[in-house]
């Protein structure tokens, strides 16, 4: 077995050569470090926006013309580089940038706290947050309780088209928003309200997940509430390929209300899978014996999921990975039924948290969060204070490299997006900022430098231990397919040796999320019924 040390604390395992193959050539740690360094994206531009008050940037989207919309809240007057008049309290504040990061305009609406922005089909935008005020100059919708979810629809130039509120008699606020395939929207909110105001679903605990399906005009099509008798929050809502939805967040409830999955620790990561009408298909909790939670989830091509958030140091519950500091970035790979295939922790000796995860073309992932740790544990990139932190993973969760982005103060990442050119946009705030207190802070990164992949298996030539893979083959992180690891025409002593190799390899592929159990079972039966190892095969 060849083991190559690619990062401090992260080893890459190369499978043993099959009988008919020469052993893989050992690569030095220096060669691997050079390869990894060559793949890191570089900073194309960075910018800060704000006034002399406080700003928090929570959500970003790329626009149809290649520019960007920044969405969050501000309590500044028109100063610094904010030009929009203040509405009277913390405002929804949006900033329109061109593709090079130059500011085009900024607008304020409110008062309220803006948490989400989403592109609309006509090139405009939908904003979602919460409002604690009644109708005023910017707001036409009523206030139902102490705080309502408030949505504001804009055209391409930032002019308001309409606004609508959703809430009961207590506290309700938007936390997640996505455009749906029919041009409508799915809104995820936190709710402490029972049936009251325009909320028609009952409360189960102190805070529940409240899901609202809206048409393109903001009209409610249906709503559902999910939760137990304690505290349950949603942070990510995504429409799935079958038209349903997946929710990810945190839960402190025991099985109660609509929640059936067990409580693992003081707080758990919680995933809920829904059909297109919001009816629950399954749910599951994940975590150790203390605090764990999810902030983002993405569906993958095999209909499984990748979830990212944070977890405490120890091993326990469903958490199998040992941490590095007080809190670590935690990534969990799930199959289509919510079964955990693997989990990994990343971080240094202090506090590190994952906020977003982006699937990459090679089957791996880019995880984005923030880190307070020095260089230690799996963090190899230096910074100062609290930094934006990116961690690049292969398909099995092995760390390839990490990047820290320092704005000169303490940075908190709130959102992260792949851009149309294959690069990345990191967004949050920096304290102190360029204009006084917290300011919006955005960093545009280039795509990863192009790497050569001669056989098209998704593993670059510099990392591929098995070249010339057959097209459309499933491969491991080293670029090796089942046929290359267990070649049917190898000099097997008997048929059982060949079948044993296939079984072990398929088990590993399933654990790593490369195959479903059903796919592995089909391939295993093909191996059982093959003639491999039953006699020496010769080519005519």
Protein backbone atom coordinates (compact mmCIF):
# COMPACT_ATOMS: atom_id res chain seq x y z
CA UNK A 1 0.00 0.00 0.00
CA UNK A 2 1.31 3.42 -0.97
CA UNK A 3 0.39 6.28 1.35
CA UNK A 4 1.06 9.85 0.27
CA UNK A 5 0.90 12.65 2.83
CA UNK A 6 -0.99 15.43 1.04
CA UNK A 7 -1.95 17.67 3.98
CA UNK A 8 -1.10 17.81 7.65
CA UNK A 9 -3.30 15.16 9.23
CA UNK A 10 -4.83 14.10 5.87
CA UNK A 11 -3.47 11.01 4.10
CA UNK A 12 -4.43 9.82 0.64
CA UNK A 13 -4.67 6.08 0.28
CA UNK A 14 -3.79 4.51 -3.08
CA UNK A 15 -5.33 1.03 -3.52
CA UNK A 16 -3.00 -1.95 -3.98
CA UNK A 17 -2.30 -2.83 -7.60
CA UNK A 18 -4.39 -5.62 -9.16
CA UNK A 19 -2.50 -8.83 -9.99
CA UNK A 20 -2.04 -7.97 -13.68
CA UNK A 21 -0.82 -4.42 -13.00
CA UNK A 22 2.57 -3.11 -11.93
CA UNK A 23 2.60 -1.45 -8.52
CA UNK A 24 1.73 2.25 -8.55
CA UNK A 25 4.74 4.55 -8.55
CA UNK A 26 5.23 6.29 -5.22
CA UNK A 27 4.93 10.07 -5.39
CA UNK A 28 6.84 12.32 -3.05
CA UNK A 29 5.05 14.65 -0.64
CA UNK A 30 6.73 17.59 -2.35
CA UNK A 31 5.29 16.58 -5.74
CA UNK A 32 1.80 16.32 -4.26
CA UNK A 33 2.12 19.66 -2.45
CA UNK A 34 3.11 21.32 -5.75
CA UNK A 35 0.14 19.76 -7.54
CA UNK A 36 -2.29 20.86 -4.83
CA UNK A 37 -0.89 24.40 -4.80
CA UNK A 38 -1.39 24.63 -8.57
CA UNK A 39 -5.11 23.91 -8.17
CA UNK A 40 -5.93 26.70 -5.72
CA UNK A 41 -8.13 29.51 -7.10
CA UNK A 42 -6.71 33.03 -6.96
CA UNK A 43 -8.30 36.33 -5.93
CA UNK A 44 -9.64 38.31 -8.91
CA UNK A 45 -11.13 41.19 -6.91
CA UNK A 46 -12.43 42.06 -3.46
CA UNK A 47 -14.63 44.87 -2.21
CA UNK A 48 -16.24 46.33 0.93
CA UNK A 49 -19.53 48.22 1.06
CA UNK A 50 -21.14 50.05 3.96
CA UNK A 51 -21.64 53.20 5.96
CA UNK A 52 -20.56 54.29 9.42
CA UNK A 53 -23.13 52.04 11.10
CA UNK A 54 -23.30 48.23 10.96
CA UNK A 55 -23.99 46.04 7.95
CA UNK A 56 -24.46 42.28 7.63
CA UNK A 57 -24.31 40.65 4.19
CA UNK A 58 -26.36 37.44 4.19
CA UNK A 59 -27.07 36.42 0.59
CA UNK A 60 -25.65 36.89 -2.92
CA UNK A 61 -26.76 35.97 -6.44
CA UNK A 62 -25.19 36.36 -9.85
CA UNK A 63 -27.27 38.39 -12.30
CA UNK A 64 -28.15 37.64 -15.92
CA UNK A 65 -25.46 40.04 -17.19
CA UNK A 66 -22.68 38.44 -15.11
CA UNK A 67 -22.83 40.97 -12.28
CA UNK A 68 -23.87 40.37 -8.70
CA UNK A 69 -26.55 41.32 -6.18
CA UNK A 70 -25.57 41.63 -2.51
CA UNK A 71 -28.39 41.39 0.03
CA UNK A 72 -28.37 41.97 3.76
CA UNK A 73 -29.22 44.67 6.25
CA UNK A 74 -27.78 48.04 7.21
CA UNK A 75 -28.43 50.57 9.97
CA UNK A 76 -26.17 53.25 8.42
CA UNK A 77 -27.22 56.64 7.16
CA UNK A 78 -26.17 57.59 3.62
CA UNK A 79 -22.42 57.75 4.20
CA UNK A 80 -19.38 55.64 3.47
CA UNK A 81 -20.34 54.25 0.06
CA UNK A 82 -24.02 53.80 0.95
CA UNK A 83 -26.16 56.28 -0.99
CA UNK A 84 -29.67 54.93 -0.30
CA UNK A 85 -31.72 56.92 2.26
CA UNK A 86 -32.35 55.24 5.59
CA UNK A 87 -35.94 54.08 6.16
CA UNK A 88 -35.93 54.49 9.94
CA UNK A 89 -34.37 51.36 11.37
CA UNK A 90 -32.22 48.50 10.15
CA UNK A 91 -33.03 48.34 6.42
CA UNK A 92 -33.10 45.70 3.76
CA UNK A 93 -30.03 46.88 1.80
CA UNK A 94 -29.15 45.60 -1.66
CA UNK A 95 -26.06 46.53 -3.68
CA UNK A 96 -25.80 45.89 -7.43
CA UNK A 97 -22.30 45.16 -8.78
CA UNK A 98 -20.94 44.71 -12.28
CA UNK A 99 -18.93 41.62 -13.23
CA UNK A 100 -15.67 43.25 -12.06
CA UNK A 101 -17.07 44.14 -8.63
CA UNK A 102 -17.78 47.80 -9.36
CA UNK A 103 -20.88 49.24 -7.69
CA UNK A 104 -23.76 50.20 -10.02
CA UNK A 105 -26.40 51.19 -7.47
CA UNK A 106 -27.70 50.50 -3.95
CA UNK A 107 -31.27 50.52 -2.63
CA UNK A 108 -32.86 50.32 0.84
CA UNK A 109 -36.33 49.07 1.86
CA UNK A 110 -37.75 48.72 5.29
CA UNK A 111 -37.31 48.72 8.07
CA UNK A 112 -36.40 45.06 8.49
CA UNK A 113 -33.67 42.45 8.46
CA UNK A 114 -32.93 40.99 5.01
CA UNK A 115 -31.72 37.38 4.97
CA UNK A 116 -32.22 36.03 1.42
CA UNK A 117 -32.30 37.09 -2.22
CA UNK A 118 -33.34 35.00 -5.22
CA UNK A 119 -33.41 35.64 -8.95
CA UNK A 120 -36.84 35.82 -10.60
CA UNK A 121 -37.66 34.56 -14.08
CA UNK A 122 -37.94 38.09 -15.53
CA UNK A 123 -34.46 39.18 -14.41
CA UNK A 124 -35.72 40.85 -11.24
CA UNK A 125 -35.31 39.68 -7.67
CA UNK A 126 -37.22 38.51 -4.61
CA UNK A 127 -36.01 39.57 -1.15
CA UNK A 128 -36.98 37.73 2.03
CA UNK A 129 -36.34 38.61 5.66
CA UNK A 130 -38.40 39.85 8.57
CA UNK A 131 -40.21 43.05 9.47
CA UNK A 132 -41.31 44.35 12.85
CA UNK A 133 -43.27 47.37 11.54
CA UNK A 134 -46.69 48.05 10.09
CA UNK A 135 -47.40 49.64 6.71
CA UNK A 136 -45.22 52.64 5.87
CA UNK A 137 -43.57 54.38 2.90
CA UNK A 138 -41.88 51.15 1.72
CA UNK A 139 -44.28 48.58 3.12
CA UNK A 140 -47.89 47.98 2.13
CA UNK A 141 -48.48 44.61 3.83
CA UNK A 142 -49.78 44.41 7.41
CA UNK A 143 -47.93 43.36 10.56
CA UNK A 144 -49.56 40.24 11.99
CA UNK A 145 -47.43 39.66 15.13
CA UNK A 146 -44.26 40.76 16.86
CA UNK A 147 -42.24 39.98 13.73
CA UNK A 148 -43.32 38.66 10.31
CA UNK A 149 -41.60 37.13 7.33
CA UNK A 150 -41.54 39.96 4.76
CA UNK A 151 -40.98 39.51 1.02
CA UNK A 152 -40.22 42.34 -1.41
CA UNK A 153 -40.28 41.85 -5.20
CA UNK A 154 -37.97 44.05 -7.31
CA UNK A 155 -37.45 44.62 -11.01
CA UNK A 156 -33.98 44.57 -12.60
CA UNK A 157 -33.32 48.19 -11.57
CA UNK A 158 -34.29 47.63 -7.93
CA UNK A 159 -37.72 49.27 -8.17
CA UNK A 160 -40.26 47.64 -5.85
CA UNK A 161 -43.09 45.79 -7.60
CA UNK A 162 -44.92 44.39 -4.57
CA UNK A 163 -44.45 43.21 -0.99
CA UNK A 164 -46.20 40.59 1.13
CA UNK A 165 -46.03 39.48 4.78
CA UNK A 166 -46.55 36.05 6.33
CA UNK A 167 -46.95 35.52 10.05
CA UNK A 168 -49.00 34.75 13.10
CA UNK A 169 -49.34 36.49 16.44
CA UNK A 170 -45.76 35.80 17.61
CA UNK A 171 -42.30 35.81 15.96
CA UNK A 172 -41.92 34.59 12.35
CA UNK A 173 -38.95 35.25 10.06
CA UNK A 174 -37.57 34.08 6.72
CA UNK A 175 -34.42 31.96 6.71
CA UNK A 176 -34.32 30.24 3.30
CA UNK A 177 -35.60 30.99 -0.21
CA UNK A 178 -35.31 29.26 -3.57
CA UNK A 179 -36.93 29.74 -6.95
CA UNK A 180 -38.82 26.61 -8.04
CA UNK A 181 -38.90 24.98 -11.46
CA UNK A 182 -42.30 26.54 -12.30
CA UNK A 183 -41.08 30.10 -11.66
CA UNK A 184 -42.56 30.30 -8.17
CA UNK A 185 -40.70 30.14 -4.87
CA UNK A 186 -40.30 28.01 -1.78
CA UNK A 187 -39.87 30.00 1.45
CA UNK A 188 -38.45 28.51 4.62
CA UNK A 189 -39.12 30.35 7.88
CA UNK A 190 -38.78 30.02 11.60
CA UNK A 191 -42.05 30.35 13.50
CA UNK A 192 -43.11 30.69 17.13
CA UNK A 193 -46.75 31.35 16.15
CA UNK A 194 -49.75 29.09 16.31
CA UNK A 195 -52.74 29.36 13.98
CA UNK A 196 -53.24 33.13 13.72
CA UNK A 197 -52.66 36.00 11.30
CA UNK A 198 -52.29 34.33 7.88
CA UNK A 199 -50.62 31.23 9.35
CA UNK A 200 -52.91 28.20 9.09
CA UNK A 201 -50.65 25.49 10.53
CA UNK A 202 -50.31 24.74 14.27
CA UNK A 203 -47.24 25.27 16.43
CA UNK A 204 -45.47 22.26 17.92
CA UNK A 205 -42.67 23.78 20.01
CA UNK A 206 -40.86 26.98 20.90
CA UNK A 207 -39.78 27.39 17.26
CA UNK A 208 -40.84 25.30 14.27
CA UNK A 209 -39.86 25.06 10.63
CA UNK A 210 -42.56 26.81 8.57
CA UNK A 211 -42.54 26.09 4.83
CA UNK A 212 -44.56 28.15 2.33
CA UNK A 213 -44.96 27.36 -1.37
CA UNK A 214 -45.60 30.55 -3.38
CA UNK A 215 -46.45 31.30 -6.98
CA UNK A 216 -44.53 33.89 -9.01
CA UNK A 217 -46.76 36.66 -7.64
CA UNK A 218 -46.12 35.79 -3.98
CA UNK A 219 -49.50 34.11 -3.45
CA UNK A 220 -49.47 31.19 -1.01
CA UNK A 221 -50.20 27.82 -2.66
CA UNK A 222 -49.72 25.73 0.46
CA UNK A 223 -47.92 25.74 3.81
CA UNK A 224 -46.61 23.08 6.18
CA UNK A 225 -45.06 23.14 9.66
CA UNK A 226 -42.47 20.66 10.98
CA UNK A 227 -40.99 20.26 14.44
CA UNK A 228 -41.15 18.84 17.93
CA UNK A 229 -41.85 20.35 21.32
CA UNK A 230 -38.53 22.20 21.62
CA UNK A 231 -36.51 24.26 19.15
CA UNK A 232 -36.22 23.31 15.45
CA UNK A 233 -34.74 25.59 12.78
CA UNK A 234 -34.28 25.41 9.02
CA UNK A 235 -31.23 26.99 7.37
CA UNK A 236 -31.32 25.47 3.88
CA UNK A 237 -34.20 24.60 1.54
CA UNK A 238 -33.64 23.05 -1.91
CA UNK A 239 -35.97 21.71 -4.56
CA UNK A 240 -34.97 18.18 -5.55
CA UNK A 241 -34.85 16.61 -9.01
CA UNK A 242 -38.24 14.89 -8.50
CA UNK A 243 -39.98 18.21 -7.72
CA UNK A 244 -39.93 17.64 -3.97
CA UNK A 245 -37.77 19.39 -1.39
CA UNK A 246 -35.05 18.76 1.15
CA UNK A 247 -34.62 20.82 4.32
CA UNK A 248 -31.52 21.02 6.50
CA UNK A 249 -31.08 22.73 9.84
CA UNK A 250 -30.91 22.00 13.55
CA UNK A 251 -33.16 20.34 16.11
CA UNK A 252 -33.25 20.19 19.90
CA UNK A 253 -36.55 18.29 20.09
CA UNK A 254 -37.14 14.76 21.24
CA UNK A 255 -39.48 12.73 18.99
CA UNK A 256 -42.74 14.70 19.25
CA UNK A 257 -45.00 16.83 17.07
CA UNK A 258 -44.13 15.87 13.48
CA UNK A 259 -40.59 14.79 14.41
CA UNK A 260 -39.96 11.04 14.60
CA UNK A 261 -36.15 10.84 14.53
CA UNK A 262 -34.24 10.50 17.81
CA UNK A 263 -32.38 13.26 19.60
CA UNK A 264 -28.65 12.49 19.54
CA UNK A 265 -27.13 15.31 21.61
CA UNK A 266 -27.83 18.78 22.96
CA UNK A 267 -28.54 19.89 19.37
CA UNK A 268 -28.51 17.83 16.17
CA UNK A 269 -28.24 18.29 12.45
CA UNK A 270 -31.70 17.62 11.00
CA UNK A 271 -32.64 16.70 7.41
CA UNK A 272 -36.26 16.40 6.23
CA UNK A 273 -37.16 15.05 2.78
CA UNK A 274 -40.52 16.12 1.30
CA UNK A 275 -42.67 15.36 -1.73
CA UNK A 276 -43.84 18.20 -4.08
CA UNK A 277 -46.77 19.00 -1.75
CA UNK A 278 -44.64 19.22 1.37
CA UNK A 279 -45.63 15.81 2.74
CA UNK A 280 -42.80 14.20 4.67
CA UNK A 281 -41.07 11.24 2.99
CA UNK A 282 -38.41 10.76 5.63
CA UNK A 283 -36.37 12.63 8.21
CA UNK A 284 -33.19 11.92 10.11
CA UNK A 285 -31.02 13.47 12.80
CA UNK A 286 -27.23 13.43 12.75
CA UNK A 287 -24.69 14.42 15.35
CA UNK A 288 -22.61 13.62 18.37
CA UNK A 289 -23.43 13.83 22.05
CA UNK A 290 -23.18 17.63 22.25
CA UNK A 291 -23.85 20.36 19.64
CA UNK A 292 -24.11 19.65 15.92
CA UNK A 293 -26.02 21.33 13.10
CA UNK A 294 -26.38 21.78 9.33
CA UNK A 295 -26.39 25.10 7.48
CA UNK A 296 -26.47 23.89 3.85
CA UNK A 297 -27.42 20.82 1.82
CA UNK A 298 -27.12 19.94 -1.87
CA UNK A 299 -28.60 17.12 -3.93
CA UNK A 300 -26.06 15.06 -5.90
CA UNK A 301 -26.29 13.22 -9.24
CA UNK A 302 -26.96 9.87 -7.53
CA UNK A 303 -29.95 11.52 -5.74
CA UNK A 304 -28.07 11.46 -2.46
CA UNK A 305 -27.04 14.58 -0.56
CA UNK A 306 -24.06 16.39 0.89
CA UNK A 307 -24.68 18.42 4.09
CA UNK A 308 -22.34 20.86 5.81
CA UNK A 309 -22.37 22.59 9.17
CA UNK A 310 -20.50 22.25 12.45
CA UNK A 311 -19.95 19.76 15.25
CA UNK A 312 -18.12 19.57 18.53
CA UNK A 313 -14.79 17.79 18.91
CA UNK A 314 -15.75 14.30 20.06
CA UNK A 315 -16.98 11.09 18.46
CA UNK A 316 -20.43 9.77 19.38
CA UNK A 317 -24.00 9.36 18.15
CA UNK A 318 -23.79 9.23 14.35
CA UNK A 319 -20.55 11.24 14.29
CA UNK A 320 -17.55 9.02 13.54
CA UNK A 321 -14.90 11.64 12.72
CA UNK A 322 -12.61 12.99 15.43
CA UNK A 323 -12.43 16.76 15.53
CA UNK A 324 -9.51 19.13 15.93
CA UNK A 325 -10.72 22.05 18.07
CA UNK A 326 -13.69 23.24 20.12
CA UNK A 327 -15.96 23.24 17.04
CA UNK A 328 -15.12 21.96 13.55
CA UNK A 329 -16.50 22.11 10.05
CA UNK A 330 -18.56 18.93 9.68
CA UNK A 331 -19.53 17.36 6.33
CA UNK A 332 -21.87 14.38 6.01
CA UNK A 333 -22.50 12.41 2.81
CA UNK A 334 -25.97 10.82 2.60
CA UNK A 335 -27.59 8.39 0.21
CA UNK A 336 -31.04 9.02 -1.29
CA UNK A 337 -32.77 7.55 1.78
CA UNK A 338 -30.82 9.70 4.25
CA UNK A 339 -28.38 7.01 5.39
CA UNK A 340 -24.97 8.44 6.27
CA UNK A 341 -22.25 7.09 3.96
CA UNK A 342 -19.42 8.99 5.63
CA UNK A 343 -18.73 12.04 7.78
CA UNK A 344 -15.59 14.14 8.04
CA UNK A 345 -14.36 16.93 10.33
CA UNK A 346 -12.04 19.78 9.28
CA UNK A 347 -10.49 22.56 11.31
CA UNK A 348 -7.77 23.72 13.62
CA UNK A 349 -7.46 24.06 17.37
CA UNK A 350 -10.11 26.79 17.77
CA UNK A 351 -13.61 27.41 16.34
CA UNK A 352 -14.39 26.54 12.69
CA UNK A 353 -17.81 26.26 11.02
CA UNK A 354 -19.08 25.23 7.59
CA UNK A 355 -21.67 27.46 5.88
CA UNK A 356 -21.94 26.30 2.25
CA UNK A 357 -20.94 23.34 0.09
CA UNK A 358 -20.63 23.30 -3.70
CA UNK A 359 -20.34 20.07 -5.71
CA UNK A 360 -17.45 20.16 -8.19
CA UNK A 361 -17.12 18.70 -11.67
CA UNK A 362 -14.70 15.97 -10.56
CA UNK A 363 -17.20 14.62 -8.00
CA UNK A 364 -15.54 16.39 -5.10
CA UNK A 365 -16.70 19.42 -3.13
CA UNK A 366 -15.72 22.95 -2.17
CA UNK A 367 -16.73 23.69 1.42
CA UNK A 368 -16.90 27.32 2.55
CA UNK A 369 -17.09 28.62 6.09
CA UNK A 370 -15.08 30.65 8.54
CA UNK A 371 -12.22 29.80 10.85
CA UNK A 372 -10.76 31.27 14.03
CA UNK A 373 -7.98 28.68 14.16
CA UNK A 374 -4.28 29.22 13.54
CA UNK A 375 -2.42 26.83 11.25
CA UNK A 376 -3.13 23.54 13.03
CA UNK A 377 -5.17 20.37 12.60
CA UNK A 378 -6.27 20.26 8.95
CA UNK A 379 -5.93 24.03 8.47
CA UNK A 380 -2.71 24.75 6.56
CA UNK A 381 -3.38 28.28 5.25
CA UNK A 382 -2.34 31.22 7.45
CA UNK A 383 -4.60 34.17 8.28
CA UNK A 384 -5.40 36.52 11.12
CA UNK A 385 -8.37 36.64 13.46
CA UNK A 386 -11.50 35.06 12.02
CA UNK A 387 -11.15 34.38 8.27
CA UNK A 388 -13.23 33.14 5.36
CA UNK A 389 -12.02 29.54 4.92
CA UNK A 390 -12.41 27.24 1.90
CA UNK A 391 -11.67 23.52 2.05
CA UNK A 392 -11.44 21.51 -1.19
CA UNK A 393 -12.40 17.83 -0.91
CA UNK A 394 -12.34 14.86 -3.23
CA UNK A 395 -15.43 12.67 -3.66
CA UNK A 396 -14.60 10.64 -0.54
CA UNK A 397 -14.15 13.70 1.68
CA UNK A 398 -10.34 13.71 1.70
CA UNK A 399 -8.94 17.24 1.98
CA UNK A 400 -7.00 18.35 -1.09
CA UNK A 401 -6.19 21.94 -0.08
CA UNK A 402 -7.53 24.86 1.95
CA UNK A 403 -7.57 28.63 1.39
CA UNK A 404 -7.96 31.41 3.99
CA UNK A 405 -9.21 34.85 2.91
CA UNK A 406 -8.39 37.74 5.24
CA UNK A 407 -10.06 41.15 4.96
CA UNK A 408 -7.82 42.79 7.53
CA UNK A 409 -10.21 42.35 10.46
CA UNK A 410 -12.51 39.57 11.63
CA UNK A 411 -14.46 38.06 8.75
CA UNK A 412 -17.70 36.08 8.97
CA UNK A 413 -18.82 34.13 5.89
CA UNK A 414 -22.59 34.12 5.22
CA UNK A 415 -22.86 32.92 1.61
CA UNK A 416 -20.78 31.28 -1.10
CA UNK A 417 -21.64 30.69 -4.76
CA UNK A 418 -20.17 29.09 -7.84
CA UNK A 419 -20.05 31.71 -10.60
CA UNK A 420 -20.86 31.33 -14.29
CA UNK A 421 -17.15 31.29 -15.23
CA UNK A 422 -16.48 28.35 -12.89
CA UNK A 423 -15.05 30.56 -10.15
CA UNK A 424 -16.42 31.41 -6.71
CA UNK A 425 -17.93 34.35 -4.84
CA UNK A 426 -17.43 34.53 -1.06
CA UNK A 427 -19.66 36.94 0.86
CA UNK A 428 -20.11 38.07 4.44
CA UNK A 429 -18.82 40.92 6.52
CA UNK A 430 -15.59 42.24 7.97
CA UNK A 431 -15.12 44.00 11.32
CA UNK A 432 -13.79 46.61 11.44
CA UNK A 433 -14.59 47.35 7.83
CA UNK A 434 -13.42 50.03 5.45
CA UNK A 435 -16.07 52.50 6.60
CA UNK A 436 -16.17 51.93 10.39
CA UNK A 437 -18.04 48.98 11.88
CA UNK A 438 -19.20 45.80 10.11
CA UNK A 439 -19.15 46.20 6.31
CA UNK A 440 -20.21 43.95 3.47
CA UNK A 441 -17.13 42.02 2.31
CA UNK A 442 -17.06 40.12 -1.00
CA UNK A 443 -14.20 38.24 -2.65
CA UNK A 444 -14.29 36.92 -6.22
CA UNK A 445 -12.05 33.93 -6.87
CA UNK A 446 -10.95 32.49 -10.20
CA UNK A 447 -11.85 28.97 -11.30
CA UNK A 448 -9.44 26.27 -10.23
CA UNK A 449 -6.60 26.20 -12.77
CA UNK A 450 -7.36 23.70 -15.51
CA UNK A 451 -5.83 20.29 -14.99
CA UNK A 452 -5.39 17.64 -17.65
CA UNK A 453 -7.61 14.53 -17.51
CA UNK A 454 -6.58 12.32 -20.44
CA UNK A 455 -9.11 9.53 -19.85
CA UNK A 456 -12.01 11.81 -18.83
CA UNK A 457 -12.73 10.01 -15.55
CA UNK A 458 -12.86 13.21 -13.47
CA UNK A 459 -9.46 12.63 -11.82
CA UNK A 460 -6.59 14.77 -13.08
CA UNK A 461 -3.60 13.06 -14.64
CA UNK A 462 -1.36 14.25 -11.81
CA UNK A 463 -3.50 12.27 -9.33
CA UNK A 464 -4.65 9.38 -11.58
CA UNK A 465 -3.14 6.05 -10.51
CA UNK A 466 -5.09 4.14 -13.19
CA UNK A 467 -4.84 5.80 -16.61
CA UNK A 468 -6.87 4.78 -19.67
CA UNK A 469 -10.08 4.15 -17.73
CA UNK A 470 -12.99 3.04 -19.92
CA UNK A 471 -15.54 5.83 -20.63
CA UNK A 472 -18.43 6.27 -18.14
CA UNK A 473 -16.74 4.14 -15.48
CA UNK A 474 -17.22 4.86 -11.80
CA UNK A 475 -13.80 5.52 -10.27
CA UNK A 476 -12.39 6.15 -6.82
CA UNK A 477 -10.38 9.19 -5.73
CA UNK A 478 -7.28 7.71 -7.38
CA UNK A 479 -9.01 7.33 -10.76
CA UNK A 480 -9.34 3.54 -10.56
CA UNK A 481 -12.46 1.70 -11.73
CA UNK A 482 -13.76 -1.68 -10.58
CA UNK A 483 -12.42 -3.29 -13.77
CA UNK A 484 -8.96 -1.83 -13.12
CA UNK A 485 -8.85 -2.77 -9.45
CA UNK A 486 -10.26 -6.26 -10.10
CA UNK A 487 -9.52 -7.06 -13.78
CA UNK A 488 -11.54 -10.11 -14.93
CA UNK A 489 -8.56 -11.38 -16.98
CA UNK A 490 -6.09 -11.12 -14.10
CA UNK A 491 -4.13 -14.20 -12.96
CA UNK A 492 -6.59 -15.06 -10.19
CA UNK A 493 -5.94 -18.32 -8.34
CA UNK A 494 -9.63 -19.13 -8.49
CA UNK A 495 -13.05 -17.58 -9.03
CA UNK A 496 -13.46 -16.89 -5.31
CA UNK A 497 -10.39 -14.62 -5.27
CA UNK A 498 -11.86 -12.51 -8.07
CA UNK A 499 -15.32 -12.32 -6.43
CA UNK A 500 -13.68 -11.37 -3.10
CA UNK A 501 -11.82 -8.48 -4.73
CA UNK A 502 -15.05 -7.27 -6.34
CA UNK A 503 -16.97 -7.49 -3.04
CA UNK A 504 -14.38 -5.50 -1.07
CA UNK A 505 -14.09 -2.84 -3.79
CA UNK A 506 -17.87 -2.45 -4.18
CA UNK A 507 -18.29 -2.14 -0.40
CA UNK A 508 -15.77 0.71 -0.42
CA UNK A 509 -17.44 2.42 -3.39
CA UNK A 510 -20.78 2.32 -1.54
CA UNK A 511 -19.26 3.70 1.68
CA UNK A 512 -17.70 6.55 -0.29
CA UNK A 513 -20.99 7.37 -2.03
CA UNK A 514 -19.79 6.41 -5.52
CA UNK A 515 -22.41 3.68 -5.98
CA UNK A 516 -25.81 2.95 -4.48
CA UNK A 517 -26.36 -0.38 -2.75
CA UNK A 518 -28.61 -1.44 -5.63
CA UNK A 519 -25.95 -0.64 -8.23
CA UNK A 520 -23.31 -2.49 -6.20
CA UNK A 521 -25.55 -5.54 -5.82
CA UNK A 522 -26.10 -5.72 -9.58
CA UNK A 523 -22.36 -5.52 -10.28
CA UNK A 524 -21.63 -8.11 -7.61
CA UNK A 525 -24.08 -10.59 -9.18
CA UNK A 526 -22.45 -10.03 -12.56
CA UNK A 527 -19.10 -10.93 -10.99
CA UNK A 528 -20.53 -14.04 -9.31
CA UNK A 529 -21.92 -15.30 -12.62
CA UNK A 530 -18.79 -14.45 -14.62
CA UNK A 531 -16.05 -16.88 -15.64
CA UNK A 532 -13.23 -14.75 -14.19
CA UNK A 533 -10.75 -16.92 -12.29
CA UNK A 534 -12.34 -20.19 -13.44
CA UNK A 535 -9.53 -20.83 -15.90
CA UNK A 536 -6.88 -18.80 -17.62
CA UNK A 537 -8.53 -16.60 -20.24
CA UNK A 538 -6.65 -16.07 -23.48
CA UNK A 539 -7.29 -13.63 -26.27
CA UNK A 540 -7.56 -15.04 -29.79
